[in-house]
Amino acid sequence: MMCIGYAGEEAFDVILYISRTFAKLNYEVLIIDVSDSYALCKSIHHGMELDSDHDIVSYRDINYVRHMLTEEELLEFNYGVVIVVYGHNLPTQMLLPCREMIVVLNTFPHIIDRINALMMNRNEINCATHILIRDIVTPDDVERVKNAITFRYKVETTNYLYMDFSDYESAVSCQITQLTRFTDISAGFKKYIIEFIHSLLPELKPDHIKKAIKMARKGR
């Protein structure tokens, strides 16, 4: 099982796009959403009166639930990808041992302070920590945010996404239509998805990941 954690600011669109791409790469995908946000829940169609607070909802090759599963239930995803979404509900101890922890923030100083406080309470775990800075306007924003981060442990990589209207519009569409729309995401966003998955699965060629994104875009 490959476990990835997300903490901090909202990243439901990033999580949906990455999950759909993993699914098209023939990985079983489970999203465990324990955040205080209902952003992902709003983006995933709950048909037949299913309640993700109690049931696993299957949606476009993604499995989604809003509570921690038992060890027996997790066995079904033993050879897949499990994404644990903490948001600002990051506990002292992780619910599952994660291979990667993605900490999401933006360029606002009050958000940086909030994320610094959130991560200060986290115990050290055997997990690579990565930063994703959203909605930057210039490269100077990246340096300013990096200099303001006060995490007490090593950050492996820092990635960023530019503020882009097409990305914003696609995220809104994900919730309105409950379809994982990334037909019109920016080139930078697409590049981030490819590079992130390639970093986790270096045996996969970027062209293979691009093909999976294309399949997901077409709804196949």
N, C-alpha and C. Protein backbone atom coordinates (compact mmCIF):
# COMPACT_ATOMS: atom_id res chain seq x y z
N MET A 1 0.83 -1.20 0.00
CA MET A 1 0.00 0.00 0.00
C MET A 1 0.87 1.25 0.00
N MET A 2 0.59 2.15 -0.93
CA MET A 2 1.26 3.44 -0.95
C MET A 2 0.34 4.46 -0.31
N CYS A 3 0.76 5.04 0.81
CA CYS A 3 -0.08 5.98 1.53
C CYS A 3 0.49 7.39 1.40
N ILE A 4 -0.38 8.33 1.02
CA ILE A 4 0.00 9.72 0.87
C ILE A 4 -0.91 10.56 1.75
N GLY A 5 -0.33 11.46 2.53
CA GLY A 5 -1.13 12.33 3.38
C GLY A 5 -1.17 13.76 2.84
N TYR A 6 -2.30 14.43 3.05
CA TYR A 6 -2.43 15.84 2.71
C TYR A 6 -2.87 16.60 3.94
N ALA A 7 -2.18 17.71 4.23
CA ALA A 7 -2.52 18.54 5.38
C ALA A 7 -2.47 20.00 4.97
N GLY A 8 -3.21 20.82 5.70
CA GLY A 8 -3.16 22.26 5.46
C GLY A 8 -4.35 22.76 4.66
N GLU A 9 -4.07 23.67 3.73
CA GLU A 9 -5.12 24.35 2.99
C GLU A 9 -5.81 23.42 1.98
N GLU A 10 -6.89 23.91 1.41
CA GLU A 10 -7.71 23.11 0.52
C GLU A 10 -6.95 22.67 -0.72
N ALA A 11 -7.09 21.40 -1.07
CA ALA A 11 -6.43 20.85 -2.26
C ALA A 11 -7.30 19.78 -2.89
N PHE A 12 -8.63 19.94 -2.79
CA PHE A 12 -9.50 18.86 -3.26
C PHE A 12 -9.33 18.61 -4.76
N ASP A 13 -9.08 19.65 -5.54
CA ASP A 13 -8.91 19.45 -6.97
C ASP A 13 -7.61 18.70 -7.27
N VAL A 14 -6.53 19.06 -6.57
CA VAL A 14 -5.26 18.35 -6.74
C VAL A 14 -5.45 16.87 -6.42
N ILE A 15 -6.13 16.58 -5.33
CA ILE A 15 -6.33 15.20 -4.88
C ILE A 15 -7.18 14.43 -5.89
N LEU A 16 -8.23 15.06 -6.40
CA LEU A 16 -9.08 14.39 -7.40
C LEU A 16 -8.30 14.08 -8.67
N TYR A 17 -7.53 15.03 -9.17
CA TYR A 17 -6.80 14.83 -10.42
C TYR A 17 -5.75 13.71 -10.26
N ILE A 18 -5.04 13.75 -9.14
CA ILE A 18 -4.02 12.72 -8.90
C ILE A 18 -4.68 11.36 -8.72
N SER A 19 -5.80 11.31 -8.01
CA SER A 19 -6.50 10.04 -7.80
C SER A 19 -6.98 9.44 -9.11
N ARG A 20 -7.58 10.26 -9.97
CA ARG A 20 -8.07 9.78 -11.25
C ARG A 20 -6.93 9.28 -12.12
N THR A 21 -5.79 9.95 -12.06
CA THR A 21 -4.65 9.51 -12.86
C THR A 21 -4.12 8.18 -12.35
N PHE A 22 -4.01 8.04 -11.03
CA PHE A 22 -3.60 6.75 -10.46
C PHE A 22 -4.56 5.65 -10.90
N ALA A 23 -5.86 5.94 -10.90
CA ALA A 23 -6.85 4.93 -11.29
C ALA A 23 -6.63 4.49 -12.74
N LYS A 24 -6.30 5.44 -13.61
CA LYS A 24 -6.06 5.09 -15.00
C LYS A 24 -4.73 4.40 -15.21
N LEU A 25 -3.89 4.45 -14.19
CA LEU A 25 -2.65 3.67 -14.20
C LEU A 25 -2.87 2.29 -13.57
N ASN A 26 -4.15 1.95 -13.36
CA ASN A 26 -4.58 0.63 -12.86
C ASN A 26 -4.23 0.39 -11.39
N TYR A 27 -4.27 1.46 -10.59
CA TYR A 27 -4.12 1.33 -9.15
C TYR A 27 -5.48 1.51 -8.49
N GLU A 28 -5.78 0.65 -7.51
CA GLU A 28 -6.96 0.87 -6.68
C GLU A 28 -6.70 2.11 -5.83
N VAL A 29 -7.67 3.02 -5.80
CA VAL A 29 -7.48 4.28 -5.09
C VAL A 29 -8.54 4.43 -4.00
N LEU A 30 -8.08 4.75 -2.81
CA LEU A 30 -8.96 5.03 -1.68
C LEU A 30 -8.60 6.40 -1.10
N ILE A 31 -9.61 7.26 -0.97
CA ILE A 31 -9.43 8.54 -0.29
C ILE A 31 -10.11 8.46 1.07
N ILE A 32 -9.34 8.63 2.14
CA ILE A 32 -9.90 8.71 3.49
C ILE A 32 -9.87 10.18 3.89
N ASP A 33 -11.04 10.77 3.97
CA ASP A 33 -11.16 12.22 4.21
C ASP A 33 -11.59 12.47 5.65
N VAL A 34 -10.64 12.87 6.48
CA VAL A 34 -10.95 13.19 7.88
C VAL A 34 -10.80 14.69 8.14
N SER A 35 -10.82 15.47 7.07
CA SER A 35 -10.67 16.92 7.20
C SER A 35 -11.95 17.53 7.75
N ASP A 36 -11.84 18.81 8.11
CA ASP A 36 -13.03 19.52 8.57
C ASP A 36 -13.75 20.21 7.42
N SER A 37 -13.29 19.93 6.21
CA SER A 37 -13.90 20.50 5.01
C SER A 37 -14.75 19.44 4.32
N TYR A 38 -15.80 19.89 3.68
CA TYR A 38 -16.61 18.97 2.88
C TYR A 38 -16.38 19.21 1.39
N ALA A 39 -15.22 19.76 1.05
CA ALA A 39 -14.92 20.08 -0.35
C ALA A 39 -14.87 18.84 -1.22
N LEU A 40 -14.16 17.81 -0.77
CA LEU A 40 -14.11 16.56 -1.53
C LEU A 40 -15.47 15.89 -1.55
N CYS A 41 -16.13 15.88 -0.42
CA CYS A 41 -17.45 15.25 -0.33
C CYS A 41 -18.42 15.90 -1.31
N LYS A 42 -18.33 17.20 -1.46
CA LYS A 42 -19.20 17.94 -2.37
C LYS A 42 -18.87 17.62 -3.82
N SER A 43 -17.65 17.20 -4.07
CA SER A 43 -17.19 16.95 -5.44
C SER A 43 -17.45 15.53 -5.91
N ILE A 44 -17.87 14.67 -5.00
CA ILE A 44 -18.05 13.25 -5.32
C ILE A 44 -19.52 12.88 -5.22
N HIS A 45 -20.05 12.34 -6.28
CA HIS A 45 -21.47 12.00 -6.32
C HIS A 45 -21.78 10.86 -5.35
N HIS A 46 -22.73 11.10 -4.47
CA HIS A 46 -23.18 10.09 -3.52
C HIS A 46 -24.54 9.57 -4.00
N GLY A 47 -24.50 8.54 -4.81
CA GLY A 47 -25.74 8.00 -5.36
C GLY A 47 -26.37 6.97 -4.44
N MET A 48 -27.62 6.64 -4.73
CA MET A 48 -28.34 5.56 -4.03
C MET A 48 -28.34 5.75 -2.52
N GLU A 49 -28.43 7.02 -2.10
CA GLU A 49 -28.51 7.37 -0.68
C GLU A 49 -27.30 6.89 0.13
N LEU A 50 -26.17 6.77 -0.52
CA LEU A 50 -24.95 6.39 0.19
C LEU A 50 -24.48 7.56 1.04
N ASP A 51 -23.89 7.23 2.17
CA ASP A 51 -23.39 8.23 3.10
C ASP A 51 -21.93 7.92 3.38
N SER A 52 -21.03 8.77 2.89
CA SER A 52 -19.60 8.49 3.04
C SER A 52 -19.12 8.63 4.48
N ASP A 53 -19.96 9.15 5.37
CA ASP A 53 -19.62 9.13 6.79
C ASP A 53 -19.64 7.70 7.33
N HIS A 54 -20.36 6.81 6.63
CA HIS A 54 -20.49 5.42 7.08
C HIS A 54 -20.10 4.40 6.03
N ASP A 55 -20.25 4.75 4.76
CA ASP A 55 -20.02 3.81 3.67
C ASP A 55 -18.89 4.28 2.77
N ILE A 56 -18.27 3.34 2.07
CA ILE A 56 -17.32 3.68 1.02
C ILE A 56 -18.11 3.98 -0.25
N VAL A 57 -17.92 5.16 -0.78
CA VAL A 57 -18.59 5.58 -2.01
C VAL A 57 -17.63 5.38 -3.18
N SER A 58 -18.05 4.64 -4.18
CA SER A 58 -17.23 4.43 -5.37
C SER A 58 -17.65 5.42 -6.44
N TYR A 59 -16.69 6.13 -6.97
CA TYR A 59 -16.98 7.24 -7.88
C TYR A 59 -15.88 7.35 -8.93
N ARG A 60 -16.23 7.05 -10.18
CA ARG A 60 -15.29 7.21 -11.30
C ARG A 60 -13.92 6.61 -10.98
N ASP A 61 -13.94 5.36 -10.54
CA ASP A 61 -12.73 4.58 -10.22
C ASP A 61 -12.03 5.03 -8.94
N ILE A 62 -12.68 5.88 -8.15
CA ILE A 62 -12.13 6.33 -6.87
C ILE A 62 -13.05 5.85 -5.75
N ASN A 63 -12.47 5.38 -4.66
CA ASN A 63 -13.23 5.01 -3.47
C ASN A 63 -13.03 6.09 -2.42
N TYR A 64 -14.13 6.51 -1.80
CA TYR A 64 -14.09 7.67 -0.92
C TYR A 64 -14.86 7.39 0.35
N VAL A 65 -14.28 7.77 1.49
CA VAL A 65 -14.94 7.56 2.78
C VAL A 65 -14.47 8.64 3.75
N ARG A 66 -15.33 8.99 4.72
CA ARG A 66 -15.00 10.05 5.67
C ARG A 66 -14.73 9.50 7.07
N HIS A 67 -14.21 8.30 7.15
CA HIS A 67 -13.76 7.78 8.44
C HIS A 67 -12.66 6.76 8.21
N MET A 68 -11.90 6.50 9.24
CA MET A 68 -10.81 5.55 9.15
C MET A 68 -11.37 4.14 9.03
N LEU A 69 -10.79 3.33 8.14
CA LEU A 69 -11.24 1.96 7.95
C LEU A 69 -10.49 1.01 8.88
N THR A 70 -11.05 -0.17 9.05
CA THR A 70 -10.39 -1.20 9.84
C THR A 70 -9.24 -1.80 9.03
N GLU A 71 -8.36 -2.50 9.70
CA GLU A 71 -7.24 -3.16 9.01
C GLU A 71 -7.76 -4.14 7.97
N GLU A 72 -8.83 -4.84 8.29
CA GLU A 72 -9.40 -5.80 7.35
C GLU A 72 -9.92 -5.11 6.10
N GLU A 73 -10.58 -3.95 6.28
CA GLU A 73 -11.10 -3.21 5.13
C GLU A 73 -9.97 -2.65 4.27
N LEU A 74 -8.88 -2.27 4.91
CA LEU A 74 -7.75 -1.69 4.18
C LEU A 74 -7.01 -2.73 3.34
N LEU A 75 -7.18 -4.01 3.67
CA LEU A 75 -6.49 -5.05 2.91
C LEU A 75 -6.86 -5.03 1.44
N GLU A 76 -8.07 -4.57 1.14
CA GLU A 76 -8.51 -4.50 -0.26
C GLU A 76 -7.64 -3.55 -1.08
N PHE A 77 -6.99 -2.62 -0.39
CA PHE A 77 -6.17 -1.62 -1.07
C PHE A 77 -4.69 -1.83 -0.81
N ASN A 78 -4.35 -3.06 -0.45
CA ASN A 78 -2.98 -3.36 -0.06
C ASN A 78 -1.99 -3.11 -1.19
N TYR A 79 -2.45 -3.23 -2.43
CA TYR A 79 -1.57 -2.99 -3.58
C TYR A 79 -2.00 -1.73 -4.34
N GLY A 80 -2.69 -0.87 -3.65
CA GLY A 80 -3.16 0.35 -4.29
C GLY A 80 -2.60 1.60 -3.65
N VAL A 81 -3.32 2.70 -3.81
CA VAL A 81 -2.92 4.00 -3.29
C VAL A 81 -3.99 4.49 -2.32
N VAL A 82 -3.57 4.82 -1.11
CA VAL A 82 -4.48 5.38 -0.11
C VAL A 82 -4.05 6.81 0.16
N ILE A 83 -5.00 7.72 0.02
CA ILE A 83 -4.73 9.14 0.27
C ILE A 83 -5.53 9.56 1.50
N VAL A 84 -4.82 9.99 2.54
CA VAL A 84 -5.48 10.44 3.77
C VAL A 84 -5.47 11.96 3.78
N VAL A 85 -6.66 12.54 3.80
CA VAL A 85 -6.81 13.98 3.73
C VAL A 85 -7.11 14.52 5.13
N TYR A 86 -6.15 15.22 5.72
CA TYR A 86 -6.30 15.74 7.08
C TYR A 86 -6.81 17.18 7.10
N GLY A 87 -6.44 17.96 6.10
CA GLY A 87 -6.78 19.38 6.16
C GLY A 87 -6.14 20.01 7.39
N HIS A 88 -6.97 20.66 8.21
CA HIS A 88 -6.47 21.26 9.45
C HIS A 88 -6.74 20.36 10.67
N ASN A 89 -7.18 19.14 10.42
CA ASN A 89 -7.39 18.17 11.50
C ASN A 89 -6.21 17.21 11.61
N LEU A 90 -5.04 17.74 11.59
CA LEU A 90 -3.85 16.90 11.64
C LEU A 90 -3.59 16.43 13.07
N PRO A 91 -3.66 15.12 13.32
CA PRO A 91 -3.44 14.63 14.69
C PRO A 91 -1.95 14.56 15.03
N THR A 92 -1.68 14.37 16.30
CA THR A 92 -0.29 14.22 16.72
C THR A 92 0.34 12.99 16.10
N GLN A 93 -0.44 11.91 16.06
CA GLN A 93 0.01 10.67 15.42
C GLN A 93 -0.81 10.44 14.16
N MET A 94 -0.14 10.05 13.07
CA MET A 94 -0.83 9.80 11.81
C MET A 94 -1.78 8.60 11.94
N LEU A 95 -2.90 8.65 11.23
CA LEU A 95 -3.84 7.53 11.24
C LEU A 95 -3.24 6.31 10.56
N LEU A 96 -2.45 6.55 9.52
CA LEU A 96 -1.75 5.49 8.80
C LEU A 96 -0.31 5.95 8.57
N PRO A 97 0.64 5.03 8.59
CA PRO A 97 2.00 5.42 8.23
C PRO A 97 2.03 5.86 6.76
N CYS A 98 2.42 7.09 6.52
CA CYS A 98 2.42 7.64 5.17
C CYS A 98 3.83 7.66 4.60
N ARG A 99 3.90 7.40 3.32
CA ARG A 99 5.18 7.51 2.62
C ARG A 99 5.53 8.96 2.34
N GLU A 100 4.51 9.75 2.01
CA GLU A 100 4.70 11.16 1.70
C GLU A 100 3.63 11.97 2.43
N MET A 101 4.02 13.14 2.93
CA MET A 101 3.07 14.09 3.49
C MET A 101 3.18 15.39 2.70
N ILE A 102 2.07 15.78 2.07
CA ILE A 102 2.04 17.00 1.29
C ILE A 102 1.38 18.08 2.14
N VAL A 103 2.11 19.13 2.43
CA VAL A 103 1.59 20.25 3.21
C VAL A 103 1.25 21.37 2.25
N VAL A 104 -0.03 21.75 2.21
CA VAL A 104 -0.52 22.72 1.24
C VAL A 104 -0.73 24.07 1.93
N LEU A 105 -0.25 25.13 1.31
CA LEU A 105 -0.48 26.47 1.83
C LEU A 105 -0.48 27.45 0.66
N ASN A 106 -0.82 28.68 0.93
CA ASN A 106 -0.76 29.70 -0.11
C ASN A 106 0.15 30.83 0.35
N THR A 107 0.05 31.97 -0.30
CA THR A 107 1.05 33.02 -0.06
C THR A 107 0.66 34.02 1.02
N PHE A 108 -0.55 33.90 1.60
CA PHE A 108 -0.97 34.84 2.63
C PHE A 108 -0.19 34.61 3.93
N PRO A 109 0.35 35.66 4.54
CA PRO A 109 1.09 35.49 5.79
C PRO A 109 0.27 34.83 6.90
N HIS A 110 -1.03 35.16 7.01
CA HIS A 110 -1.82 34.55 8.09
C HIS A 110 -2.00 33.06 7.86
N ILE A 111 -2.04 32.63 6.60
CA ILE A 111 -2.13 31.19 6.31
C ILE A 111 -0.81 30.50 6.63
N ILE A 112 0.29 31.15 6.30
CA ILE A 112 1.61 30.57 6.61
C ILE A 112 1.74 30.38 8.12
N ASP A 113 1.33 31.39 8.90
CA ASP A 113 1.38 31.27 10.36
C ASP A 113 0.51 30.11 10.84
N ARG A 114 -0.66 29.97 10.24
CA ARG A 114 -1.58 28.91 10.64
C ARG A 114 -0.98 27.52 10.36
N ILE A 115 -0.35 27.37 9.20
CA ILE A 115 0.25 26.09 8.84
C ILE A 115 1.47 25.81 9.72
N ASN A 116 2.26 26.83 10.01
CA ASN A 116 3.39 26.64 10.93
C ASN A 116 2.92 26.10 12.28
N ALA A 117 1.82 26.68 12.80
CA ALA A 117 1.28 26.22 14.08
C ALA A 117 0.74 24.80 13.96
N LEU A 118 0.09 24.51 12.86
CA LEU A 118 -0.46 23.16 12.64
C LEU A 118 0.64 22.11 12.64
N MET A 119 1.71 22.38 11.92
CA MET A 119 2.78 21.39 11.78
C MET A 119 3.66 21.30 13.02
N MET A 120 3.67 22.32 13.85
CA MET A 120 4.48 22.31 15.06
C MET A 120 4.03 21.22 16.01
N ASN A 121 2.76 20.86 15.97
CA ASN A 121 2.22 19.86 16.89
C ASN A 121 2.37 18.43 16.39
N ARG A 122 2.95 18.29 15.22
CA ARG A 122 3.09 16.95 14.63
C ARG A 122 4.35 16.27 15.13
N ASN A 123 4.21 15.03 15.57
CA ASN A 123 5.37 14.26 16.00
C ASN A 123 6.21 13.88 14.79
N GLU A 124 7.48 13.65 15.02
CA GLU A 124 8.34 13.17 13.94
C GLU A 124 7.92 11.76 13.55
N ILE A 125 7.79 11.54 12.24
CA ILE A 125 7.48 10.21 11.74
C ILE A 125 8.38 9.92 10.55
N ASN A 126 8.46 8.66 10.20
CA ASN A 126 9.30 8.26 9.08
C ASN A 126 8.56 8.52 7.78
N CYS A 127 8.56 9.78 7.37
CA CYS A 127 7.74 10.19 6.25
C CYS A 127 8.37 11.40 5.58
N ALA A 128 8.46 11.38 4.26
CA ALA A 128 8.99 12.53 3.54
C ALA A 128 7.96 13.65 3.50
N THR A 129 8.38 14.86 3.82
CA THR A 129 7.49 16.01 3.85
C THR A 129 7.75 16.91 2.65
N HIS A 130 6.68 17.27 1.97
CA HIS A 130 6.77 18.12 0.78
C HIS A 130 5.83 19.31 0.95
N ILE A 131 6.22 20.44 0.39
CA ILE A 131 5.41 21.64 0.43
C ILE A 131 4.80 21.89 -0.95
N LEU A 132 3.53 22.25 -0.97
CA LEU A 132 2.88 22.70 -2.20
C LEU A 132 2.30 24.09 -1.92
N ILE A 133 2.84 25.09 -2.62
CA ILE A 133 2.37 26.47 -2.46
C ILE A 133 1.42 26.77 -3.61
N ARG A 134 0.20 27.15 -3.29
CA ARG A 134 -0.80 27.42 -4.31
C ARG A 134 -0.95 28.92 -4.54
N ASP A 135 -1.39 29.24 -5.74
CA ASP A 135 -1.81 30.61 -6.10
C ASP A 135 -0.68 31.63 -6.00
N ILE A 136 0.52 31.25 -6.42
CA ILE A 136 1.58 32.25 -6.46
C ILE A 136 1.37 33.15 -7.67
N VAL A 137 1.89 34.37 -7.59
CA VAL A 137 1.79 35.31 -8.69
C VAL A 137 3.15 35.49 -9.36
N THR A 138 4.21 35.56 -8.57
CA THR A 138 5.57 35.68 -9.10
C THR A 138 6.48 34.71 -8.36
N PRO A 139 7.64 34.38 -8.93
CA PRO A 139 8.59 33.50 -8.23
C PRO A 139 9.01 34.05 -6.87
N ASP A 140 8.95 35.36 -6.68
CA ASP A 140 9.31 35.94 -5.39
C ASP A 140 8.40 35.44 -4.28
N ASP A 141 7.14 35.11 -4.63
CA ASP A 141 6.22 34.57 -3.63
C ASP A 141 6.73 33.26 -3.05
N VAL A 142 7.34 32.45 -3.90
CA VAL A 142 7.86 31.15 -3.45
C VAL A 142 8.95 31.35 -2.41
N GLU A 143 9.89 32.23 -2.72
CA GLU A 143 10.99 32.48 -1.79
C GLU A 143 10.48 33.07 -0.47
N ARG A 144 9.52 33.96 -0.57
CA ARG A 144 8.97 34.58 0.65
C ARG A 144 8.31 33.53 1.55
N VAL A 145 7.54 32.63 0.93
CA VAL A 145 6.87 31.58 1.71
C VAL A 145 7.90 30.62 2.30
N LYS A 146 8.85 30.21 1.50
CA LYS A 146 9.88 29.28 1.99
C LYS A 146 10.62 29.86 3.19
N ASN A 147 10.92 31.15 3.13
CA ASN A 147 11.65 31.81 4.22
C ASN A 147 10.80 31.97 5.48
N ALA A 148 9.48 31.93 5.30
CA ALA A 148 8.57 32.11 6.45
C ALA A 148 8.19 30.80 7.12
N ILE A 149 8.52 29.67 6.48
CA ILE A 149 8.16 28.37 7.05
C ILE A 149 9.10 28.05 8.21
N THR A 150 8.53 27.62 9.32
CA THR A 150 9.34 27.34 10.52
C THR A 150 9.21 25.89 10.96
N PHE A 151 8.94 24.97 10.02
CA PHE A 151 8.86 23.56 10.39
C PHE A 151 10.16 23.11 11.04
N ARG A 152 10.05 22.23 12.01
CA ARG A 152 11.25 21.81 12.72
C ARG A 152 11.88 20.55 12.14
N TYR A 153 11.42 20.14 10.98
CA TYR A 153 11.96 18.95 10.34
C TYR A 153 12.20 19.25 8.87
N LYS A 154 12.90 18.38 8.21
CA LYS A 154 13.36 18.60 6.85
C LYS A 154 12.20 18.57 5.86
N VAL A 155 12.20 19.54 4.97
CA VAL A 155 11.26 19.56 3.85
C VAL A 155 12.01 19.05 2.63
N GLU A 156 11.51 17.97 2.04
CA GLU A 156 12.22 17.34 0.92
C GLU A 156 12.15 18.18 -0.35
N THR A 157 10.95 18.61 -0.70
CA THR A 157 10.79 19.40 -1.92
C THR A 157 9.74 20.49 -1.69
N THR A 158 9.86 21.56 -2.46
CA THR A 158 8.87 22.63 -2.46
C THR A 158 8.38 22.81 -3.89
N ASN A 159 7.07 22.62 -4.09
CA ASN A 159 6.46 22.80 -5.40
C ASN A 159 5.47 23.96 -5.32
N TYR A 160 5.11 24.48 -6.46
CA TYR A 160 4.18 25.60 -6.45
C TYR A 160 3.30 25.56 -7.70
N LEU A 161 2.16 26.20 -7.57
CA LEU A 161 1.23 26.35 -8.70
C LEU A 161 0.86 27.82 -8.81
N TYR A 162 0.90 28.34 -10.01
CA TYR A 162 0.54 29.73 -10.23
C TYR A 162 -0.98 29.93 -10.11
N MET A 163 -1.36 31.11 -9.70
CA MET A 163 -2.76 31.47 -9.73
C MET A 163 -3.21 31.50 -11.19
N ASP A 164 -4.25 30.75 -11.49
CA ASP A 164 -4.68 30.62 -12.88
C ASP A 164 -6.19 30.51 -12.93
N PHE A 165 -6.83 31.30 -13.78
CA PHE A 165 -8.29 31.31 -13.84
C PHE A 165 -8.84 29.97 -14.31
N SER A 166 -8.17 29.33 -15.27
CA SER A 166 -8.67 28.05 -15.78
C SER A 166 -8.65 26.98 -14.69
N ASP A 167 -7.63 27.00 -13.81
CA ASP A 167 -7.57 26.05 -12.70
C ASP A 167 -8.70 26.32 -11.71
N TYR A 168 -8.94 27.60 -11.45
CA TYR A 168 -10.04 27.98 -10.55
C TYR A 168 -11.38 27.53 -11.13
N GLU A 169 -11.59 27.79 -12.40
CA GLU A 169 -12.85 27.42 -13.05
C GLU A 169 -13.05 25.91 -13.04
N SER A 170 -11.99 25.17 -13.27
CA SER A 170 -12.09 23.71 -13.26
C SER A 170 -12.42 23.17 -11.87
N ALA A 171 -11.84 23.79 -10.83
CA ALA A 171 -12.13 23.37 -9.46
C ALA A 171 -13.59 23.62 -9.12
N VAL A 172 -14.11 24.78 -9.51
CA VAL A 172 -15.52 25.08 -9.27
C VAL A 172 -16.39 24.07 -10.00
N SER A 173 -16.02 23.75 -11.24
CA SER A 173 -16.78 22.80 -12.03
C SER A 173 -16.81 21.41 -11.39
N CYS A 174 -15.72 21.03 -10.73
CA CYS A 174 -15.68 19.73 -10.05
C CYS A 174 -16.81 19.60 -9.03
N GLN A 175 -17.09 20.70 -8.34
CA GLN A 175 -18.14 20.66 -7.32
C GLN A 175 -19.53 20.82 -7.92
N ILE A 176 -19.66 21.67 -8.91
CA ILE A 176 -20.98 21.92 -9.50
C ILE A 176 -21.48 20.70 -10.27
N THR A 177 -20.59 20.09 -11.05
CA THR A 177 -21.00 18.96 -11.90
C THR A 177 -20.74 17.61 -11.27
N GLN A 178 -19.89 17.58 -10.23
CA GLN A 178 -19.42 16.33 -9.61
C GLN A 178 -18.75 15.42 -10.65
N LEU A 179 -18.08 16.05 -11.59
CA LEU A 179 -17.23 15.36 -12.55
C LEU A 179 -15.82 15.89 -12.36
N THR A 180 -14.83 15.00 -12.39
CA THR A 180 -13.45 15.43 -12.17
C THR A 180 -12.96 16.11 -13.44
N ARG A 181 -13.19 17.39 -13.53
CA ARG A 181 -12.88 18.11 -14.76
C ARG A 181 -11.47 18.68 -14.70
N PHE A 182 -10.58 18.12 -15.53
CA PHE A 182 -9.30 18.79 -15.68
C PHE A 182 -8.90 18.84 -17.15
N THR A 183 -9.93 19.00 -17.98
CA THR A 183 -9.70 19.20 -19.41
C THR A 183 -8.93 20.50 -19.66
N ASP A 184 -9.26 21.52 -18.89
CA ASP A 184 -8.72 22.85 -19.17
C ASP A 184 -7.77 23.35 -18.10
N ILE A 185 -7.16 22.47 -17.33
CA ILE A 185 -6.22 22.94 -16.32
C ILE A 185 -4.96 23.48 -17.00
N SER A 186 -4.26 24.31 -16.27
CA SER A 186 -3.07 24.96 -16.83
C SER A 186 -1.96 23.94 -17.09
N ALA A 187 -1.04 24.32 -17.96
CA ALA A 187 0.10 23.45 -18.27
C ALA A 187 0.94 23.19 -17.02
N GLY A 188 1.06 24.22 -16.15
CA GLY A 188 1.83 24.04 -14.91
C GLY A 188 1.20 23.03 -13.98
N PHE A 189 -0.13 23.04 -13.91
CA PHE A 189 -0.84 22.10 -13.05
C PHE A 189 -0.65 20.67 -13.57
N LYS A 190 -0.80 20.50 -14.89
CA LYS A 190 -0.61 19.19 -15.49
C LYS A 190 0.82 18.69 -15.26
N LYS A 191 1.79 19.59 -15.41
CA LYS A 191 3.18 19.21 -15.19
C LYS A 191 3.40 18.76 -13.75
N TYR A 192 2.77 19.46 -12.80
CA TYR A 192 2.91 19.07 -11.40
C TYR A 192 2.38 17.66 -11.17
N ILE A 193 1.22 17.33 -11.73
CA ILE A 193 0.64 15.99 -11.57
C ILE A 193 1.59 14.93 -12.11
N ILE A 194 2.12 15.17 -13.30
CA ILE A 194 3.02 14.20 -13.93
C ILE A 194 4.29 14.01 -13.10
N GLU A 195 4.89 15.11 -12.68
CA GLU A 195 6.14 15.02 -11.92
C GLU A 195 5.93 14.40 -10.55
N PHE A 196 4.79 14.69 -9.92
CA PHE A 196 4.51 14.12 -8.60
C PHE A 196 4.36 12.61 -8.69
N ILE A 197 3.57 12.14 -9.63
CA ILE A 197 3.36 10.69 -9.77
C ILE A 197 4.66 10.01 -10.19
N HIS A 198 5.41 10.65 -11.07
CA HIS A 198 6.69 10.07 -11.50
C HIS A 198 7.66 9.97 -10.33
N SER A 199 7.62 10.93 -9.40
CA SER A 199 8.51 10.87 -8.23
C SER A 199 8.15 9.68 -7.33
N LEU A 200 6.88 9.32 -7.30
CA LEU A 200 6.44 8.18 -6.50
C LEU A 200 6.68 6.86 -7.21
N LEU A 201 6.53 6.89 -8.53
CA LEU A 201 6.66 5.67 -9.34
C LEU A 201 7.66 5.94 -10.47
N PRO A 202 8.94 6.04 -10.14
CA PRO A 202 9.94 6.41 -11.15
C PRO A 202 10.06 5.41 -12.30
N GLU A 203 9.55 4.19 -12.07
CA GLU A 203 9.60 3.20 -13.14
C GLU A 203 8.63 3.53 -14.27
N LEU A 204 7.65 4.41 -13.99
CA LEU A 204 6.71 4.83 -15.01
C LEU A 204 7.29 6.01 -15.79
N LYS A 205 7.27 5.89 -17.09
CA LYS A 205 7.75 6.99 -17.92
C LYS A 205 6.72 8.11 -17.92
N PRO A 206 7.18 9.37 -17.96
CA PRO A 206 6.23 10.49 -18.00
C PRO A 206 5.19 10.37 -19.10
N ASP A 207 5.58 9.81 -20.25
CA ASP A 207 4.61 9.65 -21.35
C ASP A 207 3.49 8.71 -20.97
N HIS A 208 3.79 7.72 -20.15
CA HIS A 208 2.77 6.79 -19.67
C HIS A 208 1.78 7.51 -18.76
N ILE A 209 2.30 8.37 -17.92
CA ILE A 209 1.44 9.15 -17.02
C ILE A 209 0.60 10.14 -17.83
N LYS A 210 1.21 10.76 -18.84
CA LYS A 210 0.46 11.67 -19.71
C LYS A 210 -0.71 10.95 -20.37
N LYS A 211 -0.48 9.72 -20.79
CA LYS A 211 -1.54 8.94 -21.43
C LYS A 211 -2.67 8.68 -20.45
N ALA A 212 -2.32 8.40 -19.18
CA ALA A 212 -3.34 8.16 -18.16
C ALA A 212 -4.16 9.43 -17.92
N ILE A 213 -3.50 10.58 -17.90
CA ILE A 213 -4.21 11.86 -17.74
C ILE A 213 -5.16 12.08 -18.91
N LYS A 214 -4.70 11.77 -20.10
CA LYS A 214 -5.54 11.95 -21.28
C LYS A 214 -6.78 11.06 -21.20
N MET A 215 -6.62 9.82 -20.74
CA MET A 215 -7.75 8.92 -20.58
C MET A 215 -8.73 9.45 -19.55
N ALA A 216 -8.20 9.97 -18.43
CA ALA A 216 -9.06 10.52 -17.39
C ALA A 216 -9.79 11.75 -17.88
N ARG A 217 -9.12 12.56 -18.68
CA ARG A 217 -9.73 13.76 -19.23
C ARG A 217 -10.93 13.42 -20.11
N LYS A 218 -10.81 12.33 -20.83
CA LYS A 218 -11.88 11.93 -21.76
C LYS A 218 -12.99 11.15 -21.04
N GLY A 219 -12.80 10.94 -19.71
CA GLY A 219 -13.84 10.26 -18.95
C GLY A 219 -13.83 8.75 -19.10
N ARG A 220 -12.76 8.22 -19.66
CA ARG A 220 -12.71 6.76 -19.86
C ARG A 220 -12.27 6.08 -18.58
